PDB file of all heavy atoms in Angstrom:
ATOM      1  N   ARG A   1     171.071 110.460 -41.446  1.00  0.00           N
ATOM      2  CA  ARG A   1     171.161 109.823 -42.715  1.00  0.00           C
ATOM      3  C   ARG A   1     172.193 108.677 -42.630  1.00  0.00           C
ATOM      4  O   ARG A   1     173.193 108.896 -41.968  1.00  0.00           O
ATOM      5  CB  ARG A   1     171.377 110.781 -43.807  1.00  0.00           C
ATOM      6  CG  ARG A   1     172.862 111.401 -43.697  1.00  0.00           C
ATOM      7  CD  ARG A   1     173.267 112.150 -44.942  1.00  0.00           C
ATOM      8  NE  ARG A   1     174.597 112.794 -44.723  1.00  0.00           N
ATOM      9  CZ  ARG A   1     175.338 113.327 -45.756  1.00  0.00           C
ATOM     10  NH1 ARG A   1     174.815 113.324 -46.959  1.00  0.00           N
ATOM     11  NH2 ARG A   1     176.540 113.825 -45.507  1.00  0.00           N
ATOM     12  N   GLN A   2     171.801 107.611 -43.168  1.00  0.00           N
ATOM     13  CA  GLN A   2     172.671 106.324 -43.170  1.00  0.00           C
ATOM     14  C   GLN A   2     173.624 106.547 -44.363  1.00  0.00           C
ATOM     15  O   GLN A   2     173.180 106.431 -45.493  1.00  0.00           O
ATOM     16  CB  GLN A   2     171.913 105.102 -43.213  1.00  0.00           C
ATOM     17  CG  GLN A   2     171.143 104.753 -41.940  1.00  0.00           C
ATOM     18  CD  GLN A   2     172.070 104.714 -40.677  1.00  0.00           C
ATOM     19  OE1 GLN A   2     171.880 105.299 -39.773  1.00  0.00           O
ATOM     20  NE2 GLN A   2     173.112 103.825 -40.909  1.00  0.00           N
ATOM     21  N   ILE A   3     174.851 106.707 -44.102  1.00  0.00           N
ATOM     22  CA  ILE A   3     175.986 106.702 -45.007  1.00  0.00           C
ATOM     23  C   ILE A   3     176.565 105.329 -45.382  1.00  0.00           C
ATOM     24  O   ILE A   3     176.860 104.550 -44.293  1.00  0.00           O
ATOM     25  CB  ILE A   3     177.106 107.749 -44.696  1.00  0.00           C
ATOM     26  CG1 ILE A   3     176.585 109.127 -44.692  1.00  0.00           C
ATOM     27  CG2 ILE A   3     178.289 107.516 -45.675  1.00  0.00           C
ATOM     28  CD1 ILE A   3     176.076 109.775 -45.929  1.00  0.00           C
ATOM     29  N   GLY A   4     176.644 104.834 -46.497  1.00  0.00           N
ATOM     30  CA  GLY A   4     177.296 103.501 -46.809  1.00  0.00           C
ATOM     31  C   GLY A   4     177.805 103.510 -48.215  1.00  0.00           C
ATOM     32  O   GLY A   4     177.820 104.394 -48.850  1.00  0.00           O
ATOM     33  N   ILE A   5     178.137 102.237 -48.580  1.00  0.00           N
ATOM     34  CA  ILE A   5     178.755 101.955 -49.841  1.00  0.00           C
ATOM     35  C   ILE A   5     177.890 101.153 -50.617  1.00  0.00           C
ATOM     36  O   ILE A   5     177.298 100.214 -50.166  1.00  0.00           O
ATOM     37  CB  ILE A   5     180.273 101.387 -49.631  1.00  0.00           C
ATOM     38  CG1 ILE A   5     180.985 101.322 -51.002  1.00  0.00           C
ATOM     39  CG2 ILE A   5     180.166 100.061 -48.928  1.00  0.00           C
ATOM     40  CD1 ILE A   5     182.424 101.018 -50.945  1.00  0.00           C
ATOM     41  N   PHE A   6     177.839 101.446 -51.995  1.00  0.00           N
ATOM     42  CA  PHE A   6     176.918 100.800 -52.793  1.00  0.00           C
ATOM     43  C   PHE A   6     177.715 100.019 -53.836  1.00  0.00           C
ATOM     44  O   PHE A   6     178.743 100.399 -54.326  1.00  0.00           O
ATOM     45  CB  PHE A   6     176.025 101.733 -53.587  1.00  0.00           C
ATOM     46  CG  PHE A   6     175.274 102.732 -52.794  1.00  0.00           C
ATOM     47  CD1 PHE A   6     175.861 103.868 -52.348  1.00  0.00           C
ATOM     48  CD2 PHE A   6     173.901 102.641 -52.586  1.00  0.00           C
ATOM     49  CE1 PHE A   6     175.189 104.777 -51.510  1.00  0.00           C
ATOM     50  CE2 PHE A   6     173.209 103.523 -51.770  1.00  0.00           C
ATOM     51  CZ  PHE A   6     173.853 104.621 -51.315  1.00  0.00           C
ATOM     52  N   ARG A   7     177.135  98.854 -54.304  1.00  0.00           N
ATOM     53  CA  ARG A   7     177.682  98.094 -55.415  1.00  0.00           C
ATOM     54  C   ARG A   7     176.496  97.425 -56.083  1.00  0.00           C
ATOM     55  O   ARG A   7     175.416  97.105 -55.437  1.00  0.00           O
ATOM     56  CB  ARG A   7     178.724  97.109 -55.032  1.00  0.00           C
ATOM     57  CG  ARG A   7     178.180  96.107 -53.985  1.00  0.00           C
ATOM     58  CD  ARG A   7     179.304  95.122 -53.587  1.00  0.00           C
ATOM     59  NE  ARG A   7     179.853  94.295 -54.568  1.00  0.00           N
ATOM     60  CZ  ARG A   7     180.727  93.401 -54.447  1.00  0.00           C
ATOM     61  NH1 ARG A   7     181.368  93.263 -53.337  1.00  0.00           N
ATOM     62  NH2 ARG A   7     181.121  92.610 -55.408  1.00  0.00           N
ATOM     63  N   LEU A   8     176.607  97.084 -57.395  1.00  0.00           N
ATOM     64  CA  LEU A   8     175.509  96.519 -58.118  1.00  0.00           C
ATOM     65  C   LEU A   8     175.443  95.015 -57.645  1.00  0.00           C
ATOM     66  O   LEU A   8     176.527  94.351 -57.620  1.00  0.00           O
ATOM     67  CB  LEU A   8     175.667  96.543 -59.592  1.00  0.00           C
ATOM     68  CG  LEU A   8     175.600  97.995 -60.246  1.00  0.00           C
ATOM     69  CD1 LEU A   8     175.944  97.896 -61.714  1.00  0.00           C
ATOM     70  CD2 LEU A   8     174.171  98.634 -59.964  1.00  0.00           C
ATOM     71  N   LYS A   9     174.192  94.525 -57.474  1.00  0.00           N
ATOM     72  CA  LYS A   9     174.097  93.111 -57.014  1.00  0.00           C
ATOM     73  C   LYS A   9     174.466  92.092 -58.151  1.00  0.00           C
ATOM     74  O   LYS A   9     174.958  91.067 -57.880  1.00  0.00           O
ATOM     75  CB  LYS A   9     172.652  92.901 -56.630  1.00  0.00           C
ATOM     76  CG  LYS A   9     172.266  93.520 -55.224  1.00  0.00           C
ATOM     77  CD  LYS A   9     170.852  93.216 -54.887  1.00  0.00           C
ATOM     78  CE  LYS A   9     170.563  93.734 -53.490  1.00  0.00           C
ATOM     79  NZ  LYS A   9     169.112  93.381 -53.111  1.00  0.00           N
ATOM     80  N   ASP A  10     174.094  92.466 -59.344  1.00  0.00           N
ATOM     81  CA  ASP A  10     174.327  91.502 -60.449  1.00  0.00           C
ATOM     82  C   ASP A  10     175.623  91.589 -61.242  1.00  0.00           C
ATOM     83  O   ASP A  10     175.739  91.049 -62.317  1.00  0.00           O
ATOM     84  CB  ASP A  10     173.174  91.644 -61.433  1.00  0.00           C
ATOM     85  CG  ASP A  10     172.934  92.919 -62.108  1.00  0.00           C
ATOM     86  OD1 ASP A  10     173.810  93.872 -61.709  1.00  0.00           O
ATOM     87  OD2 ASP A  10     172.266  93.104 -62.985  1.00  0.00           O
ATOM     88  N   ARG A  11     176.574  92.310 -60.750  1.00  0.00           N
ATOM     89  CA  ARG A  11     177.825  92.558 -61.455  1.00  0.00           C
ATOM     90  C   ARG A  11     178.921  92.377 -60.574  1.00  0.00           C
ATOM     91  O   ARG A  11     179.078  92.688 -59.326  1.00  0.00           O
ATOM     92  CB  ARG A  11     177.919  93.916 -61.976  1.00  0.00           C
ATOM     93  CG  ARG A  11     179.131  94.258 -62.810  1.00  0.00           C
ATOM     94  CD  ARG A  11     179.026  95.608 -63.472  1.00  0.00           C
ATOM     95  NE  ARG A  11     177.833  95.756 -64.157  1.00  0.00           N
ATOM     96  CZ  ARG A  11     177.487  96.952 -64.768  1.00  0.00           C
ATOM     97  NH1 ARG A  11     178.270  98.040 -64.653  1.00  0.00           N
ATOM     98  NH2 ARG A  11     176.328  97.017 -65.438  1.00  0.00           N
ATOM     99  N   THR A  12     179.945  91.514 -61.020  1.00  0.00           N
ATOM    100  CA  THR A  12     181.134  91.201 -60.313  1.00  0.00           C
ATOM    101  C   THR A  12     182.143  92.348 -60.548  1.00  0.00           C
ATOM    102  O   THR A  12     182.484  92.791 -61.612  1.00  0.00           O
ATOM    103  CB  THR A  12     181.823  89.884 -60.805  1.00  0.00           C
ATOM    104  OG1 THR A  12     180.982  88.825 -60.672  1.00  0.00           O
ATOM    105  CG2 THR A  12     183.147  89.617 -60.038  1.00  0.00           C
ATOM    106  N   ILE A  13     182.586  92.962 -59.345  1.00  0.00           N
ATOM    107  CA  ILE A  13     183.528  94.082 -59.469  1.00  0.00           C
ATOM    108  C   ILE A  13     184.949  93.645 -59.684  1.00  0.00           C
ATOM    109  O   ILE A  13     185.213  92.470 -59.210  1.00  0.00           O
ATOM    110  CB  ILE A  13     183.348  95.058 -58.318  1.00  0.00           C
ATOM    111  CG1 ILE A  13     183.614  94.360 -56.929  1.00  0.00           C
ATOM    112  CG2 ILE A  13     182.073  95.694 -58.367  1.00  0.00           C
ATOM    113  CD1 ILE A  13     183.597  95.229 -55.728  1.00  0.00           C
ATOM    114  N   SER A  14     185.828  94.429 -60.051  1.00  0.00           N
ATOM    115  CA  SER A  14     187.233  94.036 -60.278  1.00  0.00           C
ATOM    116  C   SER A  14     187.783  93.801 -58.910  1.00  0.00           C
ATOM    117  O   SER A  14     187.444  94.325 -57.852  1.00  0.00           O
ATOM    118  CB  SER A  14     187.965  95.107 -60.946  1.00  0.00           C
ATOM    119  OG  SER A  14     188.142  96.345 -60.199  1.00  0.00           O
ATOM    120  N   PRO A  15     189.117  93.048 -58.834  1.00  0.00           N
ATOM    121  CA  PRO A  15     189.742  92.880 -57.620  1.00  0.00           C
ATOM    122  C   PRO A  15     190.127  94.282 -56.973  1.00  0.00           C
ATOM    123  O   PRO A  15     190.178  94.441 -55.768  1.00  0.00           O
ATOM    124  CB  PRO A  15     191.036  92.117 -58.006  1.00  0.00           C
ATOM    125  CG  PRO A  15     190.554  91.421 -59.287  1.00  0.00           C
ATOM    126  CD  PRO A  15     189.605  92.267 -60.034  1.00  0.00           C
ATOM    127  N   GLN A  16     190.390  95.271 -57.866  1.00  0.00           N
ATOM    128  CA  GLN A  16     190.864  96.510 -57.314  1.00  0.00           C
ATOM    129  C   GLN A  16     189.699  97.171 -56.623  1.00  0.00           C
ATOM    130  O   GLN A  16     189.866  97.831 -55.454  1.00  0.00           O
ATOM    131  CB  GLN A  16     191.345  97.491 -58.475  1.00  0.00           C
ATOM    132  CG  GLN A  16     192.570  96.848 -59.215  1.00  0.00           C
ATOM    133  CD  GLN A  16     192.155  95.980 -60.363  1.00  0.00           C
ATOM    134  OE1 GLN A  16     190.991  95.565 -60.473  1.00  0.00           O
ATOM    135  NE2 GLN A  16     193.066  95.543 -61.080  1.00  0.00           N
ATOM    136  N   ALA A  17     188.528  97.107 -57.172  1.00  0.00           N
ATOM    137  CA  ALA A  17     187.341  97.835 -56.723  1.00  0.00           C
ATOM    138  C   ALA A  17     186.929  97.001 -55.374  1.00  0.00           C
ATOM    139  O   ALA A  17     186.456  97.590 -54.378  1.00  0.00           O
ATOM    140  CB  ALA A  17     186.128  97.717 -57.691  1.00  0.00           C
ATOM    141  N   GLN A  18     187.076  95.668 -55.380  1.00  0.00           N
ATOM    142  CA  GLN A  18     186.787  94.884 -54.202  1.00  0.00           C
ATOM    143  C   GLN A  18     187.672  95.361 -52.988  1.00  0.00           C
ATOM    144  O   GLN A  18     187.214  95.392 -51.858  1.00  0.00           O
ATOM    145  CB  GLN A  18     186.891  93.358 -54.490  1.00  0.00           C
ATOM    146  CG  GLN A  18     186.477  92.558 -53.392  1.00  0.00           C
ATOM    147  CD  GLN A  18     185.042  92.586 -52.986  1.00  0.00           C
ATOM    148  OE1 GLN A  18     184.240  92.341 -53.794  1.00  0.00           O
ATOM    149  NE2 GLN A  18     184.711  92.904 -51.723  1.00  0.00           N
ATOM    150  N   ALA A  19     188.900  95.525 -53.349  1.00  0.00           N
ATOM    151  CA  ALA A  19     189.820  95.950 -52.289  1.00  0.00           C
ATOM    152  C   ALA A  19     189.425  97.265 -51.674  1.00  0.00           C
ATOM    153  O   ALA A  19     189.508  97.463 -50.538  1.00  0.00           O
ATOM    154  CB  ALA A  19     191.320  96.072 -52.903  1.00  0.00           C
ATOM    155  N   PHE A  20     189.045  98.302 -52.494  1.00  0.00           N
ATOM    156  CA  PHE A  20     188.639  99.481 -52.087  1.00  0.00           C
ATOM    157  C   PHE A  20     187.355  99.338 -51.269  1.00  0.00           C
ATOM    158  O   PHE A  20     187.195  99.995 -50.210  1.00  0.00           O
ATOM    159  CB  PHE A  20     188.427 100.504 -53.264  1.00  0.00           C
ATOM    160  CG  PHE A  20     188.369 101.965 -52.770  1.00  0.00           C
ATOM    161  CD1 PHE A  20     189.446 102.755 -52.799  1.00  0.00           C
ATOM    162  CD2 PHE A  20     187.109 102.452 -52.401  1.00  0.00           C
ATOM    163  CE1 PHE A  20     189.396 104.025 -52.426  1.00  0.00           C
ATOM    164  CE2 PHE A  20     187.096 103.889 -52.029  1.00  0.00           C
ATOM    165  CZ  PHE A  20     188.186 104.629 -52.060  1.00  0.00           C
ATOM    166  N   HIS A  21     186.451  98.603 -51.746  1.00  0.00           N
ATOM    167  CA  HIS A  21     185.175  98.296 -50.968  1.00  0.00           C
ATOM    168  C   HIS A  21     185.514  97.823 -49.586  1.00  0.00           C
ATOM    169  O   HIS A  21     184.888  98.294 -48.641  1.00  0.00           O
ATOM    170  CB  HIS A  21     184.344  97.320 -51.799  1.00  0.00           C
ATOM    171  CG  HIS A  21     183.112  96.852 -51.188  1.00  0.00           C
ATOM    172  ND1 HIS A  21     182.999  95.875 -50.235  1.00  0.00           N
ATOM    173  CD2 HIS A  21     181.812  97.238 -51.362  1.00  0.00           C
ATOM    174  CE1 HIS A  21     181.676  95.746 -49.856  1.00  0.00           C
ATOM    175  NE2 HIS A  21     180.995  96.582 -50.480  1.00  0.00           N
ATOM    176  N   ASP A  22     186.339  96.686 -49.426  1.00  0.00           N
ATOM    177  CA  ASP A  22     186.753  96.180 -48.182  1.00  0.00           C
ATOM    178  C   ASP A  22     187.388  97.170 -47.296  1.00  0.00           C
ATOM    179  O   ASP A  22     187.138  97.205 -46.061  1.00  0.00           O
ATOM    180  CB  ASP A  22     187.635  94.992 -48.502  1.00  0.00           C
ATOM    181  CG  ASP A  22     186.857  93.809 -49.214  1.00  0.00           C
ATOM    182  OD1 ASP A  22     185.589  93.876 -49.257  1.00  0.00           O
ATOM    183  OD2 ASP A  22     187.497  92.935 -49.686  1.00  0.00           O
ATOM    184  N   LEU A  23     188.268  98.043 -47.806  1.00  0.00           N
ATOM    185  CA  LEU A  23     188.786  99.103 -47.063  1.00  0.00           C
ATOM    186  C   LEU A  23     187.935 100.050 -46.484  1.00  0.00           C
ATOM    187  O   LEU A  23     188.019 100.567 -45.311  1.00  0.00           O
ATOM    188  CB  LEU A  23     190.014  99.747 -47.839  1.00  0.00           C
ATOM    189  CG  LEU A  23     191.400  99.023 -47.978  1.00  0.00           C
ATOM    190  CD1 LEU A  23     192.231  99.854 -48.835  1.00  0.00           C
ATOM    191  CD2 LEU A  23     192.058  98.874 -46.571  1.00  0.00           C
ATOM    192  N   CYS A  24     186.910 100.430 -47.270  1.00  0.00           N
ATOM    193  CA  CYS A  24     185.896 101.317 -46.782  1.00  0.00           C
ATOM    194  C   CYS A  24     185.229 100.802 -45.527  1.00  0.00           C
ATOM    195  O   CYS A  24     184.999 101.404 -44.557  1.00  0.00           O
ATOM    196  CB  CYS A  24     184.849 101.722 -47.921  1.00  0.00           C
ATOM    197  SG  CYS A  24     185.406 102.722 -49.118  1.00  0.00           S
ATOM    198  N   ILE A  25     184.815  99.442 -45.640  1.00  0.00           N
ATOM    199  CA  ILE A  25     184.173  98.783 -44.486  1.00  0.00           C
ATOM    200  C   ILE A  25     185.122  98.757 -43.331  1.00  0.00           C
ATOM    201  O   ILE A  25     184.722  98.982 -42.164  1.00  0.00           O
ATOM    202  CB  ILE A  25     183.760  97.444 -44.937  1.00  0.00           C
ATOM    203  CG1 ILE A  25     182.664  97.510 -45.981  1.00  0.00           C
ATOM    204  CG2 ILE A  25     183.194  96.661 -43.694  1.00  0.00           C
ATOM    205  CD1 ILE A  25     182.073  96.188 -46.582  1.00  0.00           C
ATOM    206  N   GLU A  26     186.454  98.546 -43.615  1.00  0.00           N
ATOM    207  CA  GLU A  26     187.317  98.433 -42.511  1.00  0.00           C
ATOM    208  C   GLU A  26     187.654  99.620 -41.795  1.00  0.00           C
ATOM    209  O   GLU A  26     187.683  99.771 -40.536  1.00  0.00           O
ATOM    210  CB  GLU A  26     188.728  97.828 -43.066  1.00  0.00           C
ATOM    211  CG  GLU A  26     189.849  97.723 -42.048  1.00  0.00           C
ATOM    212  CD  GLU A  26     191.147  97.307 -42.593  1.00  0.00           C
ATOM    213  OE1 GLU A  26     191.183  96.818 -43.820  1.00  0.00           O
ATOM    214  OE2 GLU A  26     192.122  97.430 -41.857  1.00  0.00           O
ATOM    215  N   TYR A  27     187.692 100.757 -42.647  1.00  0.00           N
ATOM    216  CA  TYR A  27     188.102 102.086 -42.048  1.00  0.00           C
ATOM    217  C   TYR A  27     186.806 102.942 -41.588  1.00  0.00           C
ATOM    218  O   TYR A  27     186.984 103.813 -40.635  1.00  0.00           O
ATOM    219  CB  TYR A  27     188.802 102.953 -43.037  1.00  0.00           C
ATOM    220  CG  TYR A  27     190.316 102.599 -42.961  1.00  0.00           C
ATOM    221  CD1 TYR A  27     190.784 101.374 -43.681  1.00  0.00           C
ATOM    222  CD2 TYR A  27     191.189 103.443 -42.467  1.00  0.00           C
ATOM    223  CE1 TYR A  27     192.177 101.087 -43.629  1.00  0.00           C
ATOM    224  CE2 TYR A  27     192.653 103.040 -42.473  1.00  0.00           C
ATOM    225  CZ  TYR A  27     193.026 101.852 -42.989  1.00  0.00           C
ATOM    226  OH  TYR A  27     194.452 101.670 -42.968  1.00  0.00           O
ATOM    227  N   LEU A  28     185.601 102.665 -42.145  1.00  0.00           N
ATOM    228  CA  LEU A  28     184.529 103.570 -41.986  1.00  0.00           C
ATOM    229  C   LEU A  28     183.416 102.914 -41.297  1.00  0.00           C
ATOM    230  O   LEU A  28     182.425 103.585 -40.881  1.00  0.00           O
ATOM    231  CB  LEU A  28     184.023 104.198 -43.348  1.00  0.00           C
ATOM    232  CG  LEU A  28     185.067 104.909 -44.235  1.00  0.00           C
ATOM    233  CD1 LEU A  28     184.471 105.365 -45.374  1.00  0.00           C
ATOM    234  CD2 LEU A  28     185.803 106.007 -43.326  1.00  0.00           C
ATOM    235  N   ASN A  29     183.374 101.701 -41.094  1.00  0.00           N
ATOM    236  CA  ASN A  29     182.306 100.993 -40.520  1.00  0.00           C
ATOM    237  C   ASN A  29     182.355 101.131 -38.986  1.00  0.00           C
ATOM    238  O   ASN A  29     182.805 100.387 -38.265  1.00  0.00           O
ATOM    239  CB  ASN A  29     182.216  99.510 -40.791  1.00  0.00           C
ATOM    240  CG  ASN A  29     180.891  98.912 -40.428  1.00  0.00           C
ATOM    241  OD1 ASN A  29     180.018  99.513 -39.826  1.00  0.00           O
ATOM    242  ND2 ASN A  29     180.687  97.686 -40.817  1.00  0.00           N
ATOM    243  N   TYR A  30     181.743 102.296 -38.473  1.00  0.00           N
ATOM    244  CA  TYR A  30     181.753 102.517 -36.977  1.00  0.00           C
ATOM    245  C   TYR A  30     180.578 101.801 -36.367  1.00  0.00           C
ATOM    246  O   TYR A  30     179.502 102.311 -36.215  1.00  0.00           O
ATOM    247  CB  TYR A  30     181.738 104.040 -36.763  1.00  0.00           C
ATOM    248  CG  TYR A  30     182.897 104.749 -37.182  1.00  0.00           C
ATOM    249  CD1 TYR A  30     183.001 105.327 -38.463  1.00  0.00           C
ATOM    250  CD2 TYR A  30     183.974 104.886 -36.332  1.00  0.00           C
ATOM    251  CE1 TYR A  30     184.068 105.967 -38.784  1.00  0.00           C
ATOM    252  CE2 TYR A  30     185.041 105.622 -36.812  1.00  0.00           C
ATOM    253  CZ  TYR A  30     185.151 106.094 -37.965  1.00  0.00           C
ATOM    254  OH  TYR A  30     186.311 106.757 -38.406  1.00  0.00           O
ATOM    255  N   GLY A  31     180.852 100.576 -35.953  1.00  0.00           N
ATOM    256  CA  GLY A  31     179.723  99.824 -35.280  1.00  0.00           C
ATOM    257  C   GLY A  31     178.585  99.434 -36.206  1.00  0.00           C
ATOM    258  O   GLY A  31     177.416  99.605 -35.897  1.00  0.00           O
ATOM    259  N   ASN A  32     178.931  99.170 -37.520  1.00  0.00           N
ATOM    260  CA  ASN A  32     177.794  98.761 -38.475  1.00  0.00           C
ATOM    261  C   ASN A  32     176.843  99.885 -38.691  1.00  0.00           C
ATOM    262  O   ASN A  32     175.687  99.547 -38.484  1.00  0.00           O
ATOM    263  CB  ASN A  32     177.225  97.526 -37.947  1.00  0.00           C
ATOM    264  CG  ASN A  32     176.349  96.848 -39.156  1.00  0.00           C
ATOM    265  OD1 ASN A  32     176.711  97.048 -40.291  1.00  0.00           O
ATOM    266  ND2 ASN A  32     175.373  96.157 -38.703  1.00  0.00           N
ATOM    267  N   GLY A  33     177.274 101.093 -38.903  1.00  0.00           N
ATOM    268  CA  GLY A  33     176.329 102.114 -39.262  1.00  0.00           C
ATOM    269  C   GLY A  33     175.821 102.805 -38.079  1.00  0.00           C
ATOM    270  O   GLY A  33     174.673 103.409 -38.095  1.00  0.00           O
ATOM    271  N   THR A  34     176.490 102.789 -36.811  1.00  0.00           N
ATOM    272  CA  THR A  34     175.988 103.486 -35.672  1.00  0.00           C
ATOM    273  C   THR A  34     176.379 105.021 -35.824  1.00  0.00           C
ATOM    274  O   THR A  34     176.821 105.447 -36.786  1.00  0.00           O
ATOM    275  CB  THR A  34     176.542 102.862 -34.436  1.00  0.00           C
ATOM    276  OG1 THR A  34     177.937 102.720 -34.534  1.00  0.00           O
ATOM    277  CG2 THR A  34     176.001 101.401 -34.327  1.00  0.00           C
ATOM    278  N   ASP A  35     176.231 105.673 -34.691  1.00  0.00           N
ATOM    279  CA  ASP A  35     176.351 107.046 -34.670  1.00  0.00           C
ATOM    280  C   ASP A  35     177.816 107.616 -35.101  1.00  0.00           C
ATOM    281  O   ASP A  35     177.985 108.724 -35.436  1.00  0.00           O
ATOM    282  CB  ASP A  35     176.100 107.640 -33.282  1.00  0.00           C
ATOM    283  CG  ASP A  35     174.680 107.588 -33.061  1.00  0.00           C
ATOM    284  OD1 ASP A  35     173.894 107.332 -34.034  1.00  0.00           O
ATOM    285  OD2 ASP A  35     174.266 107.732 -31.863  1.00  0.00           O
ATOM    286  N   GLY A  36     178.853 106.765 -35.037  1.00  0.00           N
ATOM    287  CA  GLY A  36     180.099 107.161 -35.423  1.00  0.00           C
ATOM    288  C   GLY A  36     180.741 108.120 -34.552  1.00  0.00           C
ATOM    289  O   GLY A  36     181.423 109.039 -34.928  1.00  0.00           O
ATOM    290  N   ASP A  37     180.600 108.042 -33.288  1.00  0.00           N
ATOM    291  CA  ASP A  37     181.041 108.891 -32.285  1.00  0.00           C
ATOM    292  C   ASP A  37     182.496 108.976 -32.339  1.00  0.00           C
ATOM    293  O   ASP A  37     183.200 109.976 -32.156  1.00  0.00           O
ATOM    294  CB  ASP A  37     180.704 108.504 -30.780  1.00  0.00           C
ATOM    295  CG  ASP A  37     179.233 108.687 -30.661  1.00  0.00           C
ATOM    296  OD1 ASP A  37     178.464 109.500 -31.229  1.00  0.00           O
ATOM    297  OD2 ASP A  37     178.697 108.013 -29.764  1.00  0.00           O
ATOM    298  N   GLU A  38     183.157 107.939 -32.672  1.00  0.00           N
ATOM    299  CA  GLU A  38     184.669 107.912 -32.778  1.00  0.00           C
ATOM    300  C   GLU A  38     185.117 108.897 -33.921  1.00  0.00           C
ATOM    301  O   GLU A  38     186.104 109.596 -33.744  1.00  0.00           O
ATOM    302  CB  GLU A  38     185.233 106.463 -33.093  1.00  0.00           C
ATOM    303  CG  GLU A  38     186.700 106.378 -33.318  1.00  0.00           C
ATOM    304  CD  GLU A  38     187.170 105.020 -33.688  1.00  0.00           C
ATOM    305  OE1 GLU A  38     186.345 104.062 -33.502  1.00  0.00           O
ATOM    306  OE2 GLU A  38     188.289 104.859 -34.091  1.00  0.00           O
ATOM    307  N   TYR A  39     184.386 108.861 -35.004  1.00  0.00           N
ATOM    308  CA  TYR A  39     184.746 109.743 -36.126  1.00  0.00           C
ATOM    309  C   TYR A  39     184.431 111.210 -35.837  1.00  0.00           C
ATOM    310  O   TYR A  39     185.151 112.157 -35.840  1.00  0.00           O
ATOM    311  CB  TYR A  39     183.990 109.298 -37.373  1.00  0.00           C
ATOM    312  CG  TYR A  39     184.249 110.436 -38.494  1.00  0.00           C
ATOM    313  CD1 TYR A  39     185.561 110.484 -39.240  1.00  0.00           C
ATOM    314  CD2 TYR A  39     183.283 111.422 -38.820  1.00  0.00           C
ATOM    315  CE1 TYR A  39     185.861 111.397 -40.121  1.00  0.00           C
ATOM    316  CE2 TYR A  39     183.581 112.367 -39.690  1.00  0.00           C
ATOM    317  CZ  TYR A  39     184.840 112.305 -40.300  1.00  0.00           C
ATOM    318  OH  TYR A  39     185.026 113.414 -41.220  1.00  0.00           O
ATOM    319  N   PHE A  40     183.220 111.442 -35.192  1.00  0.00           N
ATOM    320  CA  PHE A  40     182.701 112.858 -35.064  1.00  0.00           C
ATOM    321  C   PHE A  40     183.473 113.525 -33.896  1.00  0.00           C
ATOM    322  O   PHE A  40     183.525 114.662 -33.815  1.00  0.00           O
ATOM    323  CB  PHE A  40     181.320 112.822 -34.832  1.00  0.00           C
ATOM    324  CG  PHE A  40     180.434 112.619 -35.957  1.00  0.00           C
ATOM    325  CD1 PHE A  40     179.508 111.544 -36.127  1.00  0.00           C
ATOM    326  CD2 PHE A  40     180.531 113.487 -37.130  1.00  0.00           C
ATOM    327  CE1 PHE A  40     178.888 111.284 -37.284  1.00  0.00           C
ATOM    328  CE2 PHE A  40     179.708 113.219 -38.209  1.00  0.00           C
ATOM    329  CZ  PHE A  40     178.933 112.117 -38.324  1.00  0.00           C
TER     330      PHE A  40
END
């Protein structure tokens, strides 16, 4: 299953939410949705 982060396309999120969104990508994006061997 592909795990990822969702946001609405037509809505601007707050700076706080954007910061959390960016951190999720920074900390959890193991090769752009690959197997995540580093995590597992």
